Amino acid sequence: MFSVYVYYRLDPRHARDAEAPIRALISRLACRCAVSAHLLKKRDEPLLWMEAYEGIADIAAFERELERIADECDVTLFIDGTRHVECFSTDSP
């Protein structure tokens, strides 16, 4: 099983409008991929956000769906820079 963490900094000019589309992205991924998902915001840096997805069996399919839904929700409009995607495995080597 895999866990995926996506972190990014919001563009301060669009931060107020970011939450609804990003939560829509998270909700769609959770439903379509049957994974656990939630949004985190850094305590001392309110514009640094992270999406966390857990319980992923097919990482390749999940990554394709993540990219597709992020495009559908136009989340890059709200981000300053790029979305960084990190994948971790819960299995031992």
Protein backbone atom coordinates (compact mmCIF):
# COMPACT_ATOMS: atom_id res chain seq x y z
CA MET A 1 0.00 0.00 0.00
CA PHE A 2 1.06 3.57 -0.66
CA SER A 3 0.54 7.03 0.77
CA VAL A 4 0.85 10.16 -1.34
CA TYR A 5 1.48 13.66 -0.05
CA VAL A 6 1.05 16.71 -2.28
CA TYR A 7 2.33 20.01 -0.95
CA TYR A 8 2.35 23.52 -2.37
CA ARG A 9 2.19 27.18 -1.48
CA LEU A 10 -0.93 29.15 -2.31
CA ASP A 11 -0.70 32.34 -4.31
CA PRO A 12 -1.64 35.06 -1.79
CA ARG A 13 -3.70 36.85 -4.45
CA HIS A 14 -6.00 33.82 -4.84
CA ALA A 15 -5.76 32.13 -1.43
CA ARG A 16 -9.29 33.10 -0.37
CA ASP A 17 -10.75 31.26 -3.36
CA ALA A 18 -8.56 28.14 -3.17
CA GLU A 19 -10.24 26.01 -0.54
CA ALA A 20 -13.41 24.99 -2.40
CA PRO A 21 -11.67 23.70 -5.57
CA ILE A 22 -8.95 21.94 -3.59
CA ARG A 23 -11.48 20.27 -1.33
CA ALA A 24 -13.40 19.24 -4.47
CA LEU A 25 -10.21 17.65 -5.82
CA ILE A 26 -9.66 15.76 -2.57
CA SER A 27 -13.26 14.59 -2.42
CA ARG A 28 -13.27 13.38 -6.03
CA LEU A 29 -10.02 11.47 -5.56
CA ALA A 30 -11.26 9.86 -2.36
CA CYS A 31 -14.45 8.70 -4.10
CA ARG A 32 -12.97 7.63 -7.43
CA CYS A 33 -9.93 5.87 -5.99
CA ALA A 34 -11.43 4.59 -2.71
CA VAL A 35 -8.68 6.15 -0.59
CA SER A 36 -8.55 8.08 2.65
CA ALA A 37 -7.85 11.76 2.02
CA HIS A 38 -7.53 15.01 3.92
CA LEU A 39 -6.19 18.55 3.69
CA LEU A 40 -3.53 19.92 6.03
CA LYS A 41 -2.43 23.53 6.51
CA LYS A 42 0.91 24.36 8.11
CA ARG A 43 0.48 25.92 11.54
CA ASP A 44 2.83 28.89 11.17
CA GLU A 45 2.57 29.22 7.37
CA PRO A 46 -1.12 29.42 6.45
CA LEU A 47 -0.37 29.46 2.72
CA LEU A 48 1.53 26.13 2.83
CA TRP A 49 -0.97 23.32 2.27
CA MET A 50 -0.67 19.56 1.92
CA GLU A 51 -3.07 16.95 0.60
CA ALA A 52 -2.63 13.51 2.16
CA TYR A 53 -3.90 10.32 0.53
CA GLU A 54 -3.60 6.89 2.16
CA GLY A 55 -4.51 3.32 1.34
CA ILE A 56 -3.50 3.42 -2.32
CA ALA A 57 -3.11 -0.01 -3.91
CA ASP A 58 -2.48 0.95 -7.56
CA ILE A 59 -0.11 3.91 -7.43
CA ALA A 60 0.14 4.36 -11.21
CA ALA A 61 -3.65 4.59 -11.60
CA PHE A 62 -3.88 6.94 -8.64
CA GLU A 63 -1.21 9.28 -10.03
CA ARG A 64 -3.01 9.44 -13.38
CA GLU A 65 -6.29 10.23 -11.66
CA LEU A 66 -4.62 12.84 -9.41
CA GLU A 67 -3.28 14.70 -12.42
CA ARG A 68 -6.56 14.44 -14.31
CA ILE A 69 -8.72 15.69 -11.44
CA ALA A 70 -6.27 18.48 -10.56
CA ASP A 71 -6.67 19.69 -14.15
CA GLU A 72 -10.49 19.39 -13.91
CA CYS A 73 -10.51 21.51 -10.74
CA ASP A 74 -8.02 24.07 -12.12
CA VAL A 75 -6.10 24.03 -8.84
CA THR A 76 -2.95 25.47 -10.44
CA LEU A 77 -4.79 28.80 -10.66
CA PHE A 78 -4.45 29.13 -6.88
CA ILE A 79 -0.86 27.93 -6.44
CA ASP A 80 2.37 29.88 -6.33
CA GLY A 81 4.90 27.57 -8.01
CA THR A 82 4.31 23.87 -8.47
CA ARG A 83 2.58 21.03 -6.66
CA HIS A 84 5.14 18.63 -5.20
CA VAL A 85 4.07 14.98 -5.08
CA GLU A 86 5.77 12.50 -2.74
CA CYS A 87 4.93 8.79 -2.53
CA PHE A 88 5.69 6.53 0.43
CA SER A 89 5.25 2.78 0.74
CA THR A 90 4.01 1.05 3.88
CA ASP A 91 5.53 -2.26 2.71
CA SER A 92 8.93 -3.42 3.85
CA PRO A 93 11.54 -3.87 1.07
